[in-house]
N, C-alpha and C. Protein backbone atom coordinates (compact mmCIF):
# COMPACT_ATOMS: atom_id res chain seq x y z
N UNK A 1 187.55 -30.00 92.38
CA UNK A 1 186.76 -30.95 93.45
C UNK A 1 186.60 -30.25 94.76
N UNK A 2 185.21 -29.96 95.24
CA UNK A 2 184.84 -29.43 96.67
C UNK A 2 185.24 -30.69 97.56
N UNK A 3 186.10 -30.22 98.28
CA UNK A 3 186.68 -31.54 99.58
C UNK A 3 185.64 -31.44 100.76
N UNK A 4 185.59 -32.59 101.18
CA UNK A 4 184.57 -32.71 102.60
C UNK A 4 185.29 -32.46 103.59
N UNK A 5 185.43 -31.28 104.11
CA UNK A 5 186.03 -30.83 105.07
C UNK A 5 185.52 -29.62 105.89
N UNK A 6 184.27 -29.13 105.51
CA UNK A 6 183.68 -28.01 106.43
C UNK A 6 182.76 -28.79 107.56
N UNK A 7 183.49 -28.50 108.52
CA UNK A 7 182.51 -29.04 109.89
C UNK A 7 181.49 -27.86 110.10
N UNK A 8 180.08 -28.79 110.61
CA UNK A 8 179.32 -27.75 111.00
C UNK A 8 178.92 -28.03 112.49
N UNK A 9 178.21 -27.02 113.04
CA UNK A 9 177.83 -26.97 114.60
C UNK A 9 177.31 -28.33 114.94
N UNK A 10 176.51 -28.80 114.22
CA UNK A 10 175.70 -30.33 114.39
C UNK A 10 176.88 -31.42 114.63
N UNK A 11 177.93 -31.21 114.02
CA UNK A 11 179.10 -32.12 114.02
C UNK A 11 179.40 -32.87 112.46
N UNK A 12 178.34 -32.51 111.70
CA UNK A 12 178.30 -32.84 110.20
C UNK A 12 179.71 -32.33 109.64
N UNK A 13 180.33 -33.33 108.56
CA UNK A 13 181.42 -32.68 107.92
C UNK A 13 180.71 -32.47 106.34
N UNK A 14 180.89 -31.41 105.90
CA UNK A 14 180.16 -31.32 104.52
C UNK A 14 181.17 -31.31 103.46
N UNK A 15 180.92 -31.31 102.00
CA UNK A 15 181.70 -30.85 101.08
C UNK A 15 180.73 -29.94 100.38
N UNK A 16 181.47 -28.46 100.89
CA UNK A 16 180.62 -27.52 100.23
C UNK A 16 181.46 -26.32 99.78
N UNK A 17 181.22 -25.60 99.06
CA UNK A 17 182.39 -24.41 98.45
C UNK A 17 182.68 -23.35 99.70
N UNK A 18 181.67 -23.04 100.57
CA UNK A 18 181.91 -22.23 101.37
C UNK A 18 183.29 -22.23 102.48
N UNK A 19 183.89 -21.03 102.46
CA UNK A 19 185.12 -20.98 103.07
C UNK A 19 185.02 -20.74 104.41
N UNK A 20 186.05 -21.26 105.28
CA UNK A 20 186.17 -21.02 106.80
C UNK A 20 187.03 -19.87 107.05
N UNK A 21 187.01 -19.44 108.38
CA UNK A 21 188.17 -18.63 108.93
C UNK A 21 189.03 -19.24 109.83
N UNK A 22 188.73 -20.49 110.21
CA UNK A 22 189.63 -21.22 111.23
C UNK A 22 189.65 -22.59 110.65
N UNK A 23 190.92 -23.36 111.00
CA UNK A 23 190.98 -24.49 110.56
C UNK A 23 191.17 -25.72 111.67
N UNK A 24 190.85 -26.92 111.57
CA UNK A 24 190.90 -27.52 112.57
C UNK A 24 191.56 -28.99 112.31
N UNK A 25 192.17 -29.71 113.29
CA UNK A 25 192.70 -31.01 113.29
C UNK A 25 192.12 -32.08 114.25
N UNK A 26 191.83 -33.34 113.81
CA UNK A 26 191.46 -34.27 114.74
C UNK A 26 192.36 -35.91 114.21
N UNK A 27 193.36 -35.41 113.13
CA UNK A 27 194.12 -36.55 112.84
C UNK A 27 194.06 -36.73 111.60
N UNK A 28 194.27 -38.06 110.91
CA UNK A 28 194.34 -38.28 109.35
C UNK A 28 193.02 -38.99 109.04
N UNK A 29 191.83 -38.41 108.36
CA UNK A 29 190.48 -38.94 108.44
C UNK A 29 190.55 -39.16 106.95
N UNK A 30 191.33 -38.89 106.09
CA UNK A 30 191.29 -38.94 104.56
C UNK A 30 192.06 -40.04 103.87
N UNK A 31 191.60 -40.59 102.67
CA UNK A 31 192.46 -41.61 102.03
C UNK A 31 193.60 -40.79 100.94
N UNK A 32 194.21 -41.57 100.29
CA UNK A 32 195.02 -40.92 99.12
C UNK A 32 194.61 -40.34 98.16
N UNK A 33 193.02 -40.30 97.84
CA UNK A 33 192.42 -39.68 97.11
C UNK A 33 191.69 -38.32 97.58
N UNK A 34 191.95 -38.00 98.68
CA UNK A 34 191.29 -36.86 99.40
C UNK A 34 189.68 -37.14 99.72
N UNK A 35 189.35 -38.20 99.99
CA UNK A 35 188.23 -38.73 100.21
C UNK A 35 188.13 -39.13 101.63
N UNK A 36 187.18 -38.54 102.42
CA UNK A 36 186.86 -38.81 103.90
C UNK A 36 186.46 -40.14 104.07
N UNK A 37 187.31 -41.08 105.03
CA UNK A 37 187.01 -42.27 105.61
C UNK A 37 185.52 -42.13 106.44
N UNK A 38 185.38 -43.27 107.06
CA UNK A 38 184.21 -43.48 108.07
C UNK A 38 184.57 -42.83 109.18
N UNK A 39 186.18 -42.70 109.82
CA UNK A 39 186.38 -42.22 111.26
C UNK A 39 186.44 -40.52 111.05
N UNK A 40 185.89 -40.11 111.98
CA UNK A 40 185.83 -38.62 112.43
C UNK A 40 186.74 -37.91 113.14
N UNK A 41 187.34 -38.89 113.72
CA UNK A 41 188.73 -38.53 114.57
C UNK A 41 189.60 -39.68 114.90
N UNK A 42 190.78 -39.15 115.12
CA UNK A 42 191.88 -40.13 115.39
C UNK A 42 192.47 -39.86 116.71
N UNK A 43 192.38 -38.80 117.33
CA UNK A 43 192.68 -38.73 118.70
C UNK A 43 191.73 -37.89 119.27
N UNK A 44 191.93 -37.42 120.63
CA UNK A 44 190.96 -36.75 121.11
C UNK A 44 191.23 -35.00 121.43
N UNK A 45 192.49 -34.93 120.55
CA UNK A 45 193.24 -33.48 120.85
C UNK A 45 192.59 -32.71 119.62
N UNK A 46 191.19 -32.37 119.85
CA UNK A 46 190.32 -31.41 118.74
C UNK A 46 190.90 -30.05 118.92
N UNK A 47 191.55 -29.27 118.08
CA UNK A 47 191.95 -27.88 118.13
C UNK A 47 191.27 -27.24 116.86
N UNK A 48 191.39 -25.94 116.95
CA UNK A 48 191.15 -24.84 116.04
C UNK A 48 192.19 -23.84 115.96
N UNK A 49 192.62 -23.80 114.68
CA UNK A 49 193.93 -23.15 114.57
C UNK A 49 193.62 -21.96 113.69
N UNK A 50 194.72 -21.21 113.53
CA UNK A 50 194.76 -19.92 112.27
C UNK A 50 194.80 -20.62 111.04
N UNK A 51 194.39 -19.98 110.00
CA UNK A 51 194.73 -20.45 108.48
C UNK A 51 195.93 -20.18 108.09
N UNK A 52 196.67 -19.00 108.58
CA UNK A 52 198.15 -19.00 108.11
C UNK A 52 198.84 -18.80 109.44
N UNK A 53 200.13 -19.43 109.41
CA UNK A 53 201.11 -19.20 110.57
C UNK A 53 202.40 -19.66 110.29
N UNK A 54 203.24 -18.33 110.60
CA UNK A 54 204.69 -18.54 110.45
C UNK A 54 205.01 -18.94 109.10
N UNK A 55 204.11 -18.64 108.22
CA UNK A 55 204.64 -18.94 106.83
C UNK A 55 204.52 -20.37 106.30
N UNK A 56 203.97 -20.93 106.97
CA UNK A 56 203.77 -22.68 106.76
C UNK A 56 202.71 -22.89 105.38
N UNK A 57 203.27 -23.62 104.69
CA UNK A 57 202.20 -24.06 103.60
C UNK A 57 201.82 -25.43 103.75
N UNK A 58 200.74 -25.83 103.33
CA UNK A 58 200.25 -27.18 103.27
C UNK A 58 199.17 -27.29 102.09
N UNK A 59 199.47 -28.59 101.48
CA UNK A 59 198.46 -29.15 100.57
C UNK A 59 197.41 -29.65 101.14
N UNK A 60 196.13 -29.32 101.02
CA UNK A 60 194.95 -29.84 101.78
C UNK A 60 194.91 -31.15 101.32
N UNK A 61 194.58 -31.93 102.58
CA UNK A 61 194.45 -33.43 102.31
C UNK A 61 195.40 -34.26 101.58
N UNK A 62 196.73 -33.84 102.08
CA UNK A 62 197.75 -34.57 101.45
C UNK A 62 198.02 -35.91 101.99
N UNK A 63 198.46 -36.91 101.33
CA UNK A 63 198.64 -38.08 101.53
C UNK A 63 199.25 -38.40 103.24
N UNK A 64 198.74 -39.18 104.09
CA UNK A 64 199.40 -39.42 105.16
C UNK A 64 199.83 -38.28 105.94
N UNK A 65 198.91 -37.08 105.80
CA UNK A 65 198.95 -35.98 106.70
C UNK A 65 197.71 -35.61 107.46
N UNK A 66 197.78 -34.89 108.33
CA UNK A 66 196.26 -34.83 109.03
C UNK A 66 195.45 -33.96 108.16
N UNK A 67 194.09 -34.21 108.32
CA UNK A 67 193.13 -33.65 107.60
C UNK A 67 192.64 -32.30 108.27
N UNK A 68 192.90 -31.27 107.05
CA UNK A 68 192.55 -29.98 107.52
C UNK A 68 191.09 -29.80 107.25
N UNK A 69 190.44 -29.33 108.54
CA UNK A 69 189.08 -29.10 108.70
C UNK A 69 188.80 -27.53 108.86
N UNK A 70 187.66 -27.12 108.57
CA UNK A 70 187.62 -25.83 108.47
C UNK A 70 186.15 -25.55 109.15
N UNK A 71 186.07 -24.29 109.81
CA UNK A 71 184.84 -23.68 110.57
C UNK A 71 184.47 -22.30 109.96
N UNK A 72 183.20 -21.97 109.97
CA UNK A 72 182.83 -20.82 110.06
C UNK A 72 183.43 -19.71 110.55
N UNK A 73 183.63 -20.06 111.97
CA UNK A 73 184.23 -19.15 113.01
C UNK A 73 184.44 -20.19 114.36
N UNK A 74 185.01 -19.47 115.23
CA UNK A 74 185.42 -20.02 116.53
C UNK A 74 183.98 -20.61 117.34
N UNK A 75 183.03 -19.76 117.14
CA UNK A 75 181.66 -20.45 117.71
C UNK A 75 181.20 -21.57 117.24
N UNK A 76 181.39 -21.91 116.03
CA UNK A 76 181.22 -22.98 115.24
C UNK A 76 182.18 -24.15 115.69
N UNK A 77 183.29 -23.67 115.91
CA UNK A 77 184.27 -24.90 116.25
C UNK A 77 184.12 -25.39 117.36
N UNK A 78 183.71 -24.14 118.52
CA UNK A 78 183.27 -24.82 119.85
C UNK A 78 182.24 -25.57 119.97
N UNK A 79 181.15 -25.31 119.10
CA UNK A 79 179.81 -26.25 118.99
C UNK A 79 180.46 -27.73 118.74
N UNK A 80 181.36 -27.57 117.55
CA UNK A 80 181.66 -28.91 117.32
C UNK A 80 182.63 -29.61 118.15
N UNK A 81 182.85 -29.03 119.31
CA UNK A 81 183.97 -29.80 120.30
C UNK A 81 185.31 -29.35 120.40
N UNK A 82 185.70 -28.45 119.38
CA UNK A 82 186.93 -27.96 119.33
C UNK A 82 187.55 -27.01 120.37
N UNK A 83 188.73 -26.83 120.88
CA UNK A 83 189.43 -25.85 121.63
C UNK A 83 190.49 -25.26 120.82
N UNK A 84 190.94 -24.28 121.69
CA UNK A 84 192.12 -23.44 120.92
C UNK A 84 193.36 -24.18 120.88
N UNK A 85 193.88 -23.88 119.87
CA UNK A 85 195.36 -24.46 119.45
C UNK A 85 196.35 -23.84 120.53
N UNK A 86 197.39 -24.30 121.18
CA UNK A 86 198.15 -23.70 122.17
C UNK A 86 199.37 -22.99 121.47
N UNK A 87 199.55 -23.49 120.01
CA UNK A 87 200.77 -23.18 119.45
C UNK A 87 200.53 -21.92 118.45
N UNK A 88 199.76 -21.83 117.59
CA UNK A 88 199.40 -20.98 116.55
C UNK A 88 198.47 -19.87 117.21
N UNK A 89 197.70 -20.19 118.13
CA UNK A 89 196.71 -19.21 118.71
C UNK A 89 197.07 -19.04 120.41
N UNK A 90 198.36 -18.85 120.53
CA UNK A 90 198.81 -19.04 122.07
C UNK A 90 198.28 -17.99 122.96
N UNK A 91 197.81 -16.63 122.29
CA UNK A 91 197.39 -15.74 123.25
C UNK A 91 195.86 -16.18 123.54
N UNK A 92 195.13 -16.70 122.59
CA UNK A 92 193.75 -17.07 122.88
C UNK A 92 193.77 -18.03 123.53
N UNK A 93 194.73 -19.21 123.52
CA UNK A 93 194.85 -20.25 124.20
C UNK A 93 194.89 -19.97 125.79
N UNK A 94 195.58 -18.98 126.35
CA UNK A 94 196.13 -18.88 127.39
C UNK A 94 194.84 -18.11 128.14
N UNK A 95 193.99 -17.15 127.32
CA UNK A 95 192.74 -16.67 127.94
C UNK A 95 191.85 -17.88 127.81
N UNK A 96 191.69 -18.78 127.14
CA UNK A 96 190.96 -19.97 127.37
C UNK A 96 191.08 -20.72 128.38
N UNK A 97 192.30 -20.87 128.52
CA UNK A 97 192.82 -21.86 129.85
C UNK A 97 192.73 -20.95 131.17
N UNK A 98 192.68 -19.71 131.27
CA UNK A 98 192.36 -18.83 132.32
C UNK A 98 190.84 -19.30 132.65
N UNK A 99 190.14 -19.16 131.85
CA UNK A 99 188.43 -19.31 131.77
C UNK A 99 188.23 -20.75 131.95
N UNK A 100 188.98 -21.76 131.70
CA UNK A 100 188.54 -22.78 132.19
C UNK A 100 189.16 -23.00 133.98
N UNK A 101 189.86 -22.32 134.05
CA UNK A 101 190.46 -22.46 135.50
C UNK A 101 189.46 -21.75 136.32
N UNK A 102 188.59 -20.64 135.94
CA UNK A 102 187.95 -20.01 136.62
C UNK A 102 186.60 -20.99 136.75
N UNK A 103 185.98 -21.64 135.60
CA UNK A 103 184.99 -22.21 135.50
C UNK A 103 185.04 -23.56 136.54
N UNK A 104 186.27 -24.21 136.20
CA UNK A 104 186.31 -25.25 137.13
C UNK A 104 187.20 -25.58 138.42
N UNK A 105 187.80 -24.41 138.69
CA UNK A 105 188.19 -24.36 140.14
C UNK A 105 189.89 -24.45 139.77
N UNK A 106 190.46 -24.95 138.74
CA UNK A 106 192.08 -25.35 138.57
C UNK A 106 192.42 -25.15 137.17
N UNK A 107 193.48 -24.51 136.83
CA UNK A 107 194.14 -24.60 135.65
C UNK A 107 194.65 -25.97 135.34
N UNK A 108 194.42 -26.45 134.08
CA UNK A 108 194.91 -27.76 133.94
C UNK A 108 195.91 -27.74 132.49
N UNK A 109 196.50 -28.85 132.04
CA UNK A 109 197.16 -28.80 130.85
C UNK A 109 196.18 -29.20 129.73
N UNK A 110 196.70 -29.11 128.54
CA UNK A 110 195.81 -29.28 127.40
C UNK A 110 195.01 -30.53 127.48
N UNK A 111 195.93 -31.62 127.66
CA UNK A 111 195.60 -32.92 127.72
C UNK A 111 194.55 -33.43 128.38
N UNK A 112 194.27 -32.64 129.85
CA UNK A 112 193.29 -32.98 130.81
C UNK A 112 192.15 -32.34 130.24
N UNK A 113 192.33 -31.05 129.54
CA UNK A 113 191.04 -30.60 128.95
C UNK A 113 190.59 -31.45 127.85
N UNK A 114 191.30 -31.92 127.09
CA UNK A 114 190.94 -32.79 125.84
C UNK A 114 190.34 -34.10 126.72
N UNK A 115 190.60 -34.75 127.56
CA UNK A 115 190.17 -35.82 127.94
C UNK A 115 188.63 -35.68 128.60
N UNK A 116 188.41 -34.23 129.29
CA UNK A 116 187.09 -33.93 129.78
C UNK A 116 186.27 -33.51 128.44
N UNK A 117 186.78 -32.89 127.51
CA UNK A 117 186.13 -32.63 126.26
C UNK A 117 185.59 -33.87 125.52
N UNK A 118 186.44 -34.39 125.72
CA UNK A 118 186.06 -35.76 124.35
C UNK A 118 184.86 -36.55 125.03
N UNK A 119 184.75 -36.54 126.47
CA UNK A 119 183.59 -37.17 126.82
C UNK A 119 182.29 -36.52 126.85
N UNK A 120 182.41 -35.00 126.66
CA UNK A 120 181.13 -34.26 126.46
C UNK A 120 180.78 -33.81 124.95
N UNK A 121 181.71 -34.38 124.03
CA UNK A 121 181.16 -33.79 122.75
C UNK A 121 180.51 -35.05 121.72
N UNK A 122 181.16 -36.43 122.05
CA UNK A 122 180.90 -37.36 121.15
C UNK A 122 180.64 -38.95 122.26
N UNK A 123 179.63 -39.60 121.52
CA UNK A 123 179.34 -40.62 122.08
C UNK A 123 180.50 -42.01 121.66
N UNK A 124 180.37 -43.07 122.09
CA UNK A 124 180.98 -44.00 121.69
C UNK A 124 180.45 -44.54 120.33
N UNK A 125 179.14 -44.26 119.94
CA UNK A 125 178.79 -44.36 118.77
C UNK A 125 178.83 -43.26 117.81
N UNK A 126 179.54 -42.45 117.80
CA UNK A 126 180.10 -41.24 117.17
C UNK A 126 178.82 -40.19 116.68
N UNK A 127 178.01 -40.22 117.92
CA UNK A 127 176.94 -39.14 117.83
C UNK A 127 177.55 -38.01 118.73
N UNK A 128 176.65 -36.66 118.38
CA UNK A 128 177.17 -35.51 119.09
C UNK A 128 176.52 -35.56 120.36
N UNK A 129 177.17 -35.08 121.36
CA UNK A 129 176.40 -35.16 122.87
C UNK A 129 175.98 -33.73 122.71
N UNK A 130 174.47 -33.89 123.16
CA UNK A 130 173.82 -32.57 123.14
C UNK A 130 172.99 -32.57 124.75
N UNK A 131 172.73 -31.37 125.03
CA UNK A 131 171.90 -31.52 126.46
C UNK A 131 171.09 -30.27 126.31
N UNK A 132 170.24 -30.28 127.39
CA UNK A 132 168.87 -29.51 127.41
C UNK A 132 169.47 -28.26 128.46
N UNK A 133 169.20 -27.25 128.23
CA UNK A 133 169.32 -25.84 129.02
C UNK A 133 168.45 -24.86 128.53
N UNK A 134 167.78 -24.05 129.67
CA UNK A 134 167.17 -22.82 129.14
C UNK A 134 168.17 -21.85 128.29
N UNK A 135 167.45 -21.53 127.06
CA UNK A 135 168.36 -20.79 126.15
C UNK A 135 168.52 -19.37 126.81
N UNK A 136 167.75 -18.54 127.68
CA UNK A 136 167.92 -17.68 128.03
C UNK A 136 168.92 -17.42 129.25
N UNK A 137 169.27 -18.48 129.71
CA UNK A 137 170.36 -18.31 130.80
C UNK A 137 171.82 -19.03 129.98
N UNK A 138 171.91 -19.06 129.03
CA UNK A 138 173.43 -19.43 128.30
C UNK A 138 174.03 -18.27 127.71
N UNK A 139 175.35 -18.40 127.97
CA UNK A 139 176.44 -17.35 127.32
C UNK A 139 176.30 -17.00 126.13
N UNK A 140 176.98 -15.86 125.76
CA UNK A 140 177.09 -15.57 124.11
C UNK A 140 178.03 -16.68 123.52
N UNK A 141 177.81 -16.93 122.53
CA UNK A 141 178.87 -17.96 121.91
C UNK A 141 178.52 -19.27 122.02
N UNK A 142 177.35 -19.68 122.60
CA UNK A 142 176.90 -20.98 122.78
C UNK A 142 175.81 -21.07 121.45
N UNK A 143 175.97 -22.31 120.84
CA UNK A 143 175.21 -22.63 119.88
C UNK A 143 173.99 -23.45 120.33
N UNK A 144 172.80 -23.29 119.63
CA UNK A 144 171.63 -24.25 120.29
C UNK A 144 170.60 -24.52 118.90
N UNK A 145 169.64 -25.61 119.17
CA UNK A 145 168.83 -25.77 118.11
C UNK A 145 167.54 -25.03 118.41
N UNK A 146 166.94 -24.33 117.51
CA UNK A 146 165.44 -23.78 117.75
C UNK A 146 164.85 -24.05 116.52
N UNK A 147 163.74 -24.58 116.55
CA UNK A 147 162.82 -24.98 115.42
C UNK A 147 163.36 -25.67 114.30
N UNK A 148 164.14 -26.44 114.65
CA UNK A 148 165.11 -27.30 113.58
C UNK A 148 166.13 -26.84 113.19
N UNK A 149 166.69 -25.40 113.30
CA UNK A 149 167.66 -24.78 112.70
C UNK A 149 168.69 -24.60 113.88
N UNK A 150 169.94 -24.32 113.31
CA UNK A 150 171.28 -24.12 114.38
C UNK A 150 171.25 -22.76 114.64
N UNK A 151 171.30 -22.07 115.57
CA UNK A 151 171.39 -20.42 116.01
C UNK A 151 172.66 -20.26 117.07
N UNK A 152 173.38 -19.02 117.07
CA UNK A 152 173.99 -18.88 118.01
C UNK A 152 173.63 -17.63 119.12
N UNK A 153 173.99 -17.86 120.13
CA UNK A 153 173.71 -16.60 121.23
C UNK A 153 174.30 -15.59 120.81
N UNK A 154 174.01 -14.63 120.82
CA UNK A 154 174.69 -13.30 121.03
C UNK A 154 173.80 -12.14 121.24
N UNK A 155 174.35 -11.04 122.29
CA UNK A 155 173.33 -9.93 122.62
C UNK A 155 172.06 -10.15 123.06
N UNK A 156 171.84 -11.12 123.73
CA UNK A 156 170.39 -11.50 124.04
C UNK A 156 169.48 -11.98 123.22
N UNK A 157 170.02 -12.53 121.77
CA UNK A 157 169.12 -12.85 120.67
C UNK A 157 169.49 -14.23 119.97
N UNK A 158 168.97 -14.63 119.03
CA UNK A 158 169.70 -15.70 118.36
C UNK A 158 170.04 -15.29 116.98
N UNK A 159 171.19 -15.86 116.45
CA UNK A 159 171.39 -15.48 115.07
C UNK A 159 171.55 -17.04 114.35
N UNK A 160 170.67 -16.97 113.46
CA UNK A 160 170.71 -18.11 112.65
C UNK A 160 171.82 -18.52 111.72
N UNK A 161 172.47 -19.63 111.86
CA UNK A 161 173.64 -19.89 111.10
C UNK A 161 173.42 -20.56 109.99
N UNK A 162 174.13 -20.37 108.70
CA UNK A 162 174.46 -20.85 107.70
C UNK A 162 175.80 -21.34 107.36
N UNK A 163 176.42 -22.11 106.69
CA UNK A 163 177.59 -22.21 106.36
C UNK A 163 178.22 -20.94 105.88
N UNK A 164 177.71 -19.83 105.19
CA UNK A 164 178.20 -19.11 104.62
C UNK A 164 178.43 -17.59 105.75
N UNK A 165 177.50 -17.91 106.69
CA UNK A 165 177.41 -16.63 107.70
C UNK A 165 176.19 -16.75 108.51
N UNK A 166 176.09 -15.78 109.47
CA UNK A 166 175.06 -15.66 110.27
C UNK A 166 173.91 -14.90 109.53
N UNK A 167 172.52 -15.03 109.61
CA UNK A 167 171.50 -14.23 108.59
C UNK A 167 170.48 -13.66 109.87
N UNK A 168 169.42 -14.20 109.95
CA UNK A 168 168.27 -13.65 110.72
C UNK A 168 168.87 -13.60 112.04
N UNK A 169 168.45 -12.19 112.53
CA UNK A 169 168.54 -12.25 114.08
C UNK A 169 167.00 -12.39 115.01
N UNK A 170 166.82 -13.33 115.78
CA UNK A 170 165.54 -13.73 116.41
C UNK A 170 165.61 -13.55 117.85
N UNK A 171 164.38 -13.39 118.23
CA UNK A 171 164.25 -13.47 119.60
C UNK A 171 164.54 -14.73 120.42
N UNK A 172 165.46 -14.61 121.35
CA UNK A 172 165.83 -15.61 122.19
C UNK A 172 164.53 -16.36 123.10
N UNK A 173 164.42 -17.18 122.95
CA UNK A 173 163.11 -18.08 123.59
C UNK A 173 163.54 -18.34 125.05
N UNK A 174 162.32 -18.77 125.80
CA UNK A 174 162.55 -18.84 126.89
C UNK A 174 162.20 -20.36 127.20
N UNK A 175 162.51 -20.99 128.41
CA UNK A 175 162.34 -22.28 128.44
C UNK A 175 163.62 -23.10 128.10
N UNK A 176 163.67 -24.47 128.09
CA UNK A 176 164.71 -25.50 127.74
C UNK A 176 164.95 -25.56 126.45
N UNK A 177 166.15 -25.74 126.03
CA UNK A 177 166.37 -25.93 124.42
C UNK A 177 167.46 -26.80 124.01
N UNK A 178 167.65 -27.47 123.18
CA UNK A 178 168.82 -28.24 122.72
C UNK A 178 170.15 -27.51 122.57
N UNK A 179 170.98 -27.76 123.25
CA UNK A 179 172.47 -26.97 123.36
C UNK A 179 173.15 -27.99 122.45
N UNK A 180 173.80 -27.44 121.47
CA UNK A 180 175.16 -28.30 120.67
C UNK A 180 176.38 -27.95 121.29
N UNK A 181 176.53 -26.68 121.77
CA UNK A 181 178.06 -26.65 122.33
C UNK A 181 178.31 -27.53 123.70
N UNK A 182 179.44 -28.35 123.56
CA UNK A 182 179.54 -29.18 124.93
C UNK A 182 179.48 -28.34 126.01
N UNK A 183 179.09 -29.19 127.06
CA UNK A 183 178.92 -28.44 128.28
C UNK A 183 180.03 -27.56 129.08
N UNK A 184 181.30 -28.36 128.99
CA UNK A 184 182.33 -27.78 129.42
C UNK A 184 182.91 -26.50 128.72
N UNK A 185 182.54 -26.30 127.60
CA UNK A 185 182.73 -25.41 126.78
C UNK A 185 181.62 -24.31 126.97
N UNK A 186 180.56 -24.68 127.07
CA UNK A 186 179.55 -23.52 127.64
C UNK A 186 179.90 -22.86 128.98
N UNK A 187 180.63 -23.83 129.74
CA UNK A 187 181.02 -23.44 131.31
C UNK A 187 182.54 -22.30 130.97
N UNK A 188 182.94 -22.50 130.23
CA UNK A 188 184.13 -21.61 129.53
C UNK A 188 183.73 -20.33 129.26
N UNK A 189 182.57 -20.38 128.20
CA UNK A 189 181.98 -19.06 127.82
C UNK A 189 181.52 -18.34 128.89
N UNK A 190 180.76 -19.04 129.79
CA UNK A 190 180.10 -18.29 130.78
C UNK A 190 181.28 -17.68 131.82
N UNK A 191 182.51 -18.26 131.80
CA UNK A 191 183.37 -17.82 132.72
C UNK A 191 184.37 -16.62 132.15
N UNK A 192 183.76 -16.03 131.10
CA UNK A 192 184.29 -14.92 130.52
C UNK A 192 185.27 -15.30 129.24
N UNK A 193 185.35 -16.43 128.78
CA UNK A 193 186.08 -16.59 127.42
C UNK A 193 185.44 -15.96 126.10
N UNK A 194 186.00 -14.97 125.06
CA UNK A 194 185.32 -14.50 124.24
C UNK A 194 185.90 -15.09 122.87
N UNK A 195 184.92 -16.14 122.45
CA UNK A 195 185.38 -16.62 121.00
C UNK A 195 185.64 -15.41 119.82
N UNK A 196 186.03 -15.91 118.86
CA UNK A 196 186.02 -15.21 117.51
C UNK A 196 184.70 -15.44 116.64
N UNK A 197 184.17 -14.42 116.34
CA UNK A 197 182.93 -14.49 115.64
C UNK A 197 183.26 -14.26 114.27
N UNK A 198 182.57 -14.80 113.24
CA UNK A 198 182.42 -14.62 111.92
C UNK A 198 181.90 -13.20 111.61
N UNK A 199 182.46 -12.25 110.70
CA UNK A 199 181.94 -10.82 110.59
C UNK A 199 180.52 -10.84 110.06
N UNK A 200 179.98 -11.64 109.75
CA UNK A 200 178.45 -11.66 109.51
C UNK A 200 177.62 -11.48 110.87
N UNK A 201 178.29 -12.00 112.04
CA UNK A 201 177.73 -11.64 113.31
C UNK A 201 177.56 -10.34 113.89
N UNK A 202 178.48 -9.46 113.23
CA UNK A 202 178.41 -8.03 113.71
C UNK A 202 177.45 -7.15 112.67
N UNK A 203 176.67 -6.50 113.65
CA UNK A 203 175.63 -5.52 112.81
C UNK A 203 176.33 -4.24 112.13
N UNK A 204 175.86 -4.31 110.77
CA UNK A 204 176.40 -3.20 109.88
C UNK A 204 175.76 -1.94 110.40
N UNK A 205 176.42 -0.88 110.22
CA UNK A 205 176.30 0.54 110.12
C UNK A 205 175.45 0.84 109.01
N UNK A 206 174.25 1.47 108.85
CA UNK A 206 173.54 1.95 107.75
C UNK A 206 174.03 3.19 107.45
């Protein structure tokens, strides 16, 4: 059975066979039959984690255990509102926290970052918070909607997103666009944080 645990940049959680390169946690979202309930989070501490860490083994969607969510890459996870895990991704977390400090003038603990992020990623009606900004002024790693499709900004261009990887490279448009990545995370990217990309985002050598 294909489980409903693949998170999209738009906030949707789909049941699709495509595998992810990072795992996420928002609390227990499933029932004892591995089916997602209505809730899409149980706490504000949304994190992105390594698939493997210190030999730990988990059965996905075990009863009364947190729901394992999966992302194509960190760019996708950030668009969905997740920050770096401070345990399994400690080096990345310290780089993220330092960039947060540069962006906002002070380094804070994870709980304070989560408080700011939660207000910027979802509404009380469980809708994704989006904002408008000129696409050509956004940092690499930001995800936007262009012509109804999801794209990531990289190297001054748009990469079209699919659950399996990035496909077409398109010209970066001028003027305002709809930004999926929460504003605080866009600021962290602009302050120098470098997210982990899926291999499909790297041009192949001919």
